[in-house]
Amino acid sequence: MLIRYKKRLEKIAMGLLSFMPDEKEVKRLQDTIKEYESNDHWQLFLWKVEEDILGAVGVIVSTEDNEVIVQHITVDPSHRNLGIGKNMVQAVKEYYPSLQVKPNVQTEKFLDKCIDC
């Protein structure tokens, strides 16, 4: 289930985002989380299964361009290859039904594999 990021989940979100290649440094992670908290166009969602948070997907919403750019997508390594990433992309599409979901450079390869989502 896709849930919106809340400040109380900051450490979990930072842990998940740290699996992204460009988000390895603590300062960079802190800046990214701060941007999600302060910028209305940046939205961070977490993927919850029962009581566990297993993934994160971050988007930039551009209603002017009718698109949602997936800029972060990550799954806990011990739960990869189970379809969680594809489920998150599908949930984002359902969350923003009138906008086209597109990748950025970092998420392009994954979203290309996820064409049928």
N, C-alpha and C. Protein backbone atom coordinates (compact mmCIF):
# COMPACT_ATOMS: atom_id res chain seq x y z
N MET A 1 0.84 -1.17 0.00
CA MET A 1 0.00 0.00 0.00
C MET A 1 0.89 1.25 0.00
N LEU A 2 0.56 2.18 -0.85
CA LEU A 2 1.29 3.43 -0.95
C LEU A 2 0.81 4.38 0.14
N ILE A 3 1.75 4.92 0.93
CA ILE A 3 1.41 5.90 1.96
C ILE A 3 2.28 7.13 1.76
N ARG A 4 1.75 8.29 2.12
CA ARG A 4 2.52 9.52 2.00
C ARG A 4 3.55 9.60 3.11
N TYR A 5 4.70 10.15 2.77
CA TYR A 5 5.78 10.35 3.72
C TYR A 5 5.32 11.28 4.83
N LYS A 6 5.70 10.95 6.06
CA LYS A 6 5.49 11.82 7.22
C LYS A 6 6.83 11.95 7.94
N LYS A 7 7.02 13.06 8.60
CA LYS A 7 8.27 13.36 9.29
C LYS A 7 8.68 12.24 10.24
N ARG A 8 7.73 11.59 10.90
CA ARG A 8 8.06 10.53 11.85
C ARG A 8 8.69 9.31 11.16
N LEU A 9 8.59 9.23 9.83
CA LEU A 9 9.17 8.14 9.07
C LEU A 9 10.48 8.54 8.39
N GLU A 10 11.06 9.65 8.83
CA GLU A 10 12.25 10.20 8.18
C GLU A 10 13.41 9.21 8.12
N LYS A 11 13.73 8.53 9.22
CA LYS A 11 14.88 7.62 9.23
C LYS A 11 14.66 6.44 8.28
N ILE A 12 13.45 5.92 8.25
CA ILE A 12 13.13 4.82 7.33
C ILE A 12 13.28 5.29 5.89
N ALA A 13 12.71 6.48 5.60
CA ALA A 13 12.78 7.03 4.24
C ALA A 13 14.24 7.27 3.83
N MET A 14 15.03 7.82 4.73
CA MET A 14 16.44 8.07 4.40
C MET A 14 17.18 6.76 4.17
N GLY A 15 16.87 5.74 4.96
CA GLY A 15 17.50 4.44 4.76
C GLY A 15 17.18 3.86 3.40
N LEU A 16 15.92 3.95 3.00
CA LEU A 16 15.53 3.44 1.69
C LEU A 16 16.14 4.26 0.55
N LEU A 17 16.10 5.59 0.68
CA LEU A 17 16.66 6.44 -0.37
C LEU A 17 18.17 6.26 -0.49
N SER A 18 18.82 5.83 0.58
CA SER A 18 20.28 5.66 0.52
C SER A 18 20.68 4.53 -0.44
N PHE A 19 19.73 3.70 -0.86
CA PHE A 19 20.03 2.66 -1.85
C PHE A 19 20.09 3.22 -3.27
N MET A 20 19.63 4.47 -3.46
CA MET A 20 19.73 5.11 -4.77
C MET A 20 21.19 5.52 -4.99
N PRO A 21 21.73 5.30 -6.20
CA PRO A 21 23.16 5.59 -6.45
C PRO A 21 23.59 7.02 -6.12
N ASP A 22 22.74 8.00 -6.37
CA ASP A 22 23.13 9.40 -6.14
C ASP A 22 22.82 9.88 -4.73
N GLU A 23 22.34 9.01 -3.87
CA GLU A 23 21.90 9.43 -2.53
C GLU A 23 22.70 8.74 -1.42
N LYS A 24 23.94 8.45 -1.66
CA LYS A 24 24.75 7.71 -0.69
C LYS A 24 25.23 8.56 0.49
N GLU A 25 25.50 9.84 0.26
CA GLU A 25 26.04 10.70 1.30
C GLU A 25 24.93 11.22 2.21
N VAL A 26 25.23 11.28 3.52
CA VAL A 26 24.23 11.70 4.51
C VAL A 26 23.75 13.12 4.22
N LYS A 27 24.64 14.03 3.90
CA LYS A 27 24.25 15.43 3.62
C LYS A 27 23.29 15.48 2.44
N ARG A 28 23.60 14.72 1.41
CA ARG A 28 22.73 14.69 0.22
C ARG A 28 21.35 14.13 0.58
N LEU A 29 21.33 13.07 1.38
CA LEU A 29 20.06 12.49 1.83
C LEU A 29 19.24 13.50 2.63
N GLN A 30 19.90 14.20 3.53
CA GLN A 30 19.22 15.20 4.34
C GLN A 30 18.63 16.30 3.47
N ASP A 31 19.39 16.74 2.47
CA ASP A 31 18.89 17.77 1.56
C ASP A 31 17.69 17.26 0.75
N THR A 32 17.75 16.00 0.33
CA THR A 32 16.66 15.42 -0.45
C THR A 32 15.39 15.34 0.40
N ILE A 33 15.52 14.85 1.62
CA ILE A 33 14.36 14.74 2.52
C ILE A 33 13.80 16.13 2.80
N LYS A 34 14.66 17.10 3.03
CA LYS A 34 14.21 18.48 3.28
C LYS A 34 13.41 19.02 2.09
N GLU A 35 13.87 18.71 0.89
CA GLU A 35 13.16 19.15 -0.32
C GLU A 35 11.78 18.50 -0.39
N TYR A 36 11.68 17.21 -0.08
CA TYR A 36 10.38 16.54 -0.06
C TYR A 36 9.45 17.15 0.99
N GLU A 37 10.01 17.60 2.09
CA GLU A 37 9.20 18.18 3.16
C GLU A 37 8.75 19.60 2.85
N SER A 38 9.54 20.34 2.08
CA SER A 38 9.26 21.77 1.89
C SER A 38 8.71 22.16 0.51
N ASN A 39 8.96 21.34 -0.50
CA ASN A 39 8.54 21.69 -1.86
C ASN A 39 7.23 20.98 -2.19
N ASP A 40 6.19 21.75 -2.46
CA ASP A 40 4.87 21.17 -2.74
C ASP A 40 4.84 20.31 -3.99
N HIS A 41 5.78 20.51 -4.90
CA HIS A 41 5.81 19.72 -6.14
C HIS A 41 6.52 18.38 -5.96
N TRP A 42 7.31 18.26 -4.90
CA TRP A 42 8.01 17.02 -4.61
C TRP A 42 7.17 16.21 -3.63
N GLN A 43 6.87 14.97 -3.99
CA GLN A 43 6.07 14.10 -3.11
C GLN A 43 6.81 12.78 -2.92
N LEU A 44 6.91 12.36 -1.68
CA LEU A 44 7.55 11.09 -1.35
C LEU A 44 6.50 10.14 -0.79
N PHE A 45 6.49 8.93 -1.33
CA PHE A 45 5.58 7.90 -0.88
C PHE A 45 6.39 6.70 -0.42
N LEU A 46 5.86 6.00 0.55
CA LEU A 46 6.48 4.78 1.05
C LEU A 46 5.55 3.62 0.76
N TRP A 47 6.12 2.43 0.59
CA TRP A 47 5.34 1.23 0.29
C TRP A 47 5.29 0.38 1.55
N LYS A 48 4.09 0.20 2.07
CA LYS A 48 3.90 -0.53 3.31
C LYS A 48 3.20 -1.86 3.04
N VAL A 49 3.77 -2.93 3.57
CA VAL A 49 3.18 -4.26 3.50
C VAL A 49 3.02 -4.72 4.94
N GLU A 50 1.77 -4.90 5.36
CA GLU A 50 1.44 -5.19 6.75
C GLU A 50 2.05 -4.10 7.61
N GLU A 51 3.00 -4.40 8.47
CA GLU A 51 3.59 -3.37 9.34
C GLU A 51 4.97 -2.91 8.86
N ASP A 52 5.43 -3.46 7.74
CA ASP A 52 6.78 -3.16 7.26
C ASP A 52 6.75 -2.17 6.10
N ILE A 53 7.70 -1.24 6.12
CA ILE A 53 7.87 -0.32 5.00
C ILE A 53 9.03 -0.86 4.18
N LEU A 54 8.73 -1.24 2.93
CA LEU A 54 9.69 -1.97 2.11
C LEU A 54 10.22 -1.17 0.92
N GLY A 55 9.63 -0.03 0.62
CA GLY A 55 10.06 0.72 -0.55
C GLY A 55 9.71 2.19 -0.45
N ALA A 56 10.27 2.95 -1.36
CA ALA A 56 10.00 4.39 -1.44
C ALA A 56 9.99 4.80 -2.90
N VAL A 57 9.12 5.73 -3.21
CA VAL A 57 9.08 6.31 -4.55
C VAL A 57 8.85 7.81 -4.38
N GLY A 58 9.74 8.58 -5.00
CA GLY A 58 9.66 10.03 -4.93
C GLY A 58 9.38 10.59 -6.31
N VAL A 59 8.46 11.56 -6.36
CA VAL A 59 8.06 12.13 -7.64
C VAL A 59 8.08 13.66 -7.59
N ILE A 60 8.17 14.24 -8.77
CA ILE A 60 7.96 15.67 -8.95
C ILE A 60 6.69 15.80 -9.77
N VAL A 61 5.73 16.52 -9.22
CA VAL A 61 4.43 16.68 -9.87
C VAL A 61 4.43 18.00 -10.63
N SER A 62 4.17 17.91 -11.94
CA SER A 62 4.10 19.09 -12.79
C SER A 62 2.75 19.11 -13.49
N THR A 63 1.78 19.76 -12.84
CA THR A 63 0.45 19.82 -13.44
C THR A 63 0.45 20.67 -14.70
N GLU A 64 1.38 21.63 -14.80
CA GLU A 64 1.48 22.46 -16.01
C GLU A 64 1.82 21.61 -17.23
N ASP A 65 2.68 20.60 -17.01
CA ASP A 65 3.11 19.72 -18.09
C ASP A 65 2.31 18.42 -18.13
N ASN A 66 1.34 18.29 -17.23
CA ASN A 66 0.53 17.07 -17.13
C ASN A 66 1.37 15.82 -16.93
N GLU A 67 2.38 15.92 -16.06
CA GLU A 67 3.23 14.76 -15.85
C GLU A 67 3.70 14.65 -14.40
N VAL A 68 4.07 13.44 -14.06
CA VAL A 68 4.68 13.12 -12.78
C VAL A 68 6.01 12.45 -13.11
N ILE A 69 7.10 13.04 -12.64
CA ILE A 69 8.43 12.50 -12.92
C ILE A 69 8.86 11.66 -11.72
N VAL A 70 9.13 10.39 -11.96
CA VAL A 70 9.64 9.52 -10.91
C VAL A 70 11.14 9.77 -10.81
N GLN A 71 11.55 10.36 -9.68
CA GLN A 71 12.97 10.69 -9.53
C GLN A 71 13.69 9.76 -8.56
N HIS A 72 12.96 9.09 -7.71
CA HIS A 72 13.53 8.09 -6.81
C HIS A 72 12.60 6.89 -6.79
N ILE A 73 13.16 5.71 -6.84
CA ILE A 73 12.39 4.49 -6.61
C ILE A 73 13.36 3.45 -6.07
N THR A 74 13.02 2.90 -4.93
CA THR A 74 13.92 1.98 -4.26
C THR A 74 13.14 0.99 -3.41
N VAL A 75 13.68 -0.21 -3.31
CA VAL A 75 13.07 -1.28 -2.53
C VAL A 75 14.15 -1.86 -1.62
N ASP A 76 13.76 -2.19 -0.41
CA ASP A 76 14.67 -2.86 0.53
C ASP A 76 15.31 -4.05 -0.19
N PRO A 77 16.65 -4.15 -0.16
CA PRO A 77 17.32 -5.21 -0.92
C PRO A 77 16.82 -6.64 -0.63
N SER A 78 16.39 -6.90 0.58
CA SER A 78 15.93 -8.24 0.90
C SER A 78 14.53 -8.54 0.36
N HIS A 79 13.90 -7.54 -0.26
CA HIS A 79 12.56 -7.72 -0.83
C HIS A 79 12.52 -7.38 -2.32
N ARG A 80 13.65 -7.35 -2.96
CA ARG A 80 13.70 -7.03 -4.38
C ARG A 80 13.28 -8.23 -5.22
N ASN A 81 12.92 -7.94 -6.45
CA ASN A 81 12.49 -8.97 -7.42
C ASN A 81 11.19 -9.67 -7.01
N LEU A 82 10.36 -8.95 -6.26
CA LEU A 82 9.05 -9.48 -5.85
C LEU A 82 7.91 -8.66 -6.45
N GLY A 83 8.26 -7.69 -7.31
CA GLY A 83 7.23 -6.87 -7.94
C GLY A 83 6.85 -5.62 -7.16
N ILE A 84 7.54 -5.33 -6.08
CA ILE A 84 7.20 -4.16 -5.26
C ILE A 84 7.41 -2.87 -6.04
N GLY A 85 8.51 -2.75 -6.76
CA GLY A 85 8.77 -1.54 -7.56
C GLY A 85 7.68 -1.32 -8.59
N LYS A 86 7.30 -2.37 -9.30
CA LYS A 86 6.23 -2.26 -10.28
C LYS A 86 4.91 -1.88 -9.62
N ASN A 87 4.65 -2.45 -8.45
CA ASN A 87 3.43 -2.10 -7.72
C ASN A 87 3.44 -0.63 -7.30
N MET A 88 4.60 -0.13 -6.92
CA MET A 88 4.69 1.29 -6.55
C MET A 88 4.42 2.19 -7.74
N VAL A 89 4.99 1.84 -8.90
CA VAL A 89 4.75 2.64 -10.10
C VAL A 89 3.26 2.62 -10.46
N GLN A 90 2.64 1.47 -10.38
CA GLN A 90 1.21 1.35 -10.67
C GLN A 90 0.40 2.19 -9.69
N ALA A 91 0.78 2.17 -8.42
CA ALA A 91 0.06 2.95 -7.41
C ALA A 91 0.21 4.45 -7.66
N VAL A 92 1.40 4.88 -8.11
CA VAL A 92 1.59 6.30 -8.45
C VAL A 92 0.68 6.67 -9.62
N LYS A 93 0.58 5.80 -10.61
CA LYS A 93 -0.31 6.06 -11.76
C LYS A 93 -1.75 6.18 -11.29
N GLU A 94 -2.15 5.37 -10.35
CA GLU A 94 -3.51 5.43 -9.83
C GLU A 94 -3.72 6.66 -8.96
N TYR A 95 -2.68 7.09 -8.26
CA TYR A 95 -2.75 8.27 -7.39
C TYR A 95 -2.91 9.55 -8.22
N TYR A 96 -2.27 9.57 -9.38
CA TYR A 96 -2.31 10.72 -10.29
C TYR A 96 -2.91 10.27 -11.63
N PRO A 97 -4.18 9.92 -11.68
CA PRO A 97 -4.76 9.33 -12.89
C PRO A 97 -4.78 10.26 -14.11
N SER A 98 -4.78 11.56 -13.89
CA SER A 98 -4.86 12.48 -15.04
C SER A 98 -3.49 12.94 -15.52
N LEU A 99 -2.42 12.46 -14.89
CA LEU A 99 -1.07 12.86 -15.26
C LEU A 99 -0.29 11.67 -15.81
N GLN A 100 0.62 11.95 -16.73
CA GLN A 100 1.46 10.90 -17.31
C GLN A 100 2.69 10.68 -16.43
N VAL A 101 2.95 9.43 -16.07
CA VAL A 101 4.10 9.09 -15.24
C VAL A 101 5.30 8.86 -16.14
N LYS A 102 6.39 9.60 -15.85
CA LYS A 102 7.60 9.52 -16.66
C LYS A 102 8.82 9.36 -15.74
N PRO A 103 9.90 8.81 -16.27
CA PRO A 103 11.13 8.67 -15.48
C PRO A 103 12.03 9.89 -15.61
N ASN A 104 13.01 9.98 -14.71
CA ASN A 104 14.13 10.88 -14.93
C ASN A 104 15.31 10.00 -15.35
N VAL A 105 16.49 10.55 -15.45
CA VAL A 105 17.65 9.79 -15.92
C VAL A 105 17.94 8.59 -15.01
N GLN A 106 17.84 8.80 -13.68
CA GLN A 106 18.18 7.73 -12.74
C GLN A 106 17.14 6.61 -12.73
N THR A 107 15.89 6.90 -13.05
CA THR A 107 14.83 5.88 -12.96
C THR A 107 14.39 5.33 -14.31
N GLU A 108 15.00 5.84 -15.37
CA GLU A 108 14.58 5.47 -16.72
C GLU A 108 14.67 3.97 -17.00
N LYS A 109 15.79 3.34 -16.63
CA LYS A 109 15.96 1.91 -16.92
C LYS A 109 14.91 1.08 -16.19
N PHE A 110 14.64 1.44 -14.94
CA PHE A 110 13.65 0.67 -14.19
C PHE A 110 12.26 0.86 -14.79
N LEU A 111 11.88 2.09 -15.08
CA LEU A 111 10.54 2.33 -15.64
C LEU A 111 10.39 1.72 -17.02
N ASP A 112 11.48 1.64 -17.79
CA ASP A 112 11.41 0.96 -19.08
C ASP A 112 11.06 -0.52 -18.89
N LYS A 113 11.61 -1.15 -17.85
CA LYS A 113 11.27 -2.56 -17.55
C LYS A 113 9.83 -2.69 -17.06
N CYS A 114 9.31 -1.57 -16.63
CA CYS A 114 8.00 -1.55 -15.98
C CYS A 114 6.92 -1.03 -16.92
N ILE A 115 7.13 -1.10 -18.21
CA ILE A 115 6.22 -0.55 -19.23
C ILE A 115 4.78 -1.00 -19.03
N ASP A 116 4.59 -2.24 -18.64
CA ASP A 116 3.24 -2.77 -18.50
C ASP A 116 2.55 -2.36 -17.20
N CYS A 117 3.25 -1.60 -16.38
CA CYS A 117 2.65 -1.19 -15.10
C CYS A 117 1.42 -0.33 -15.31
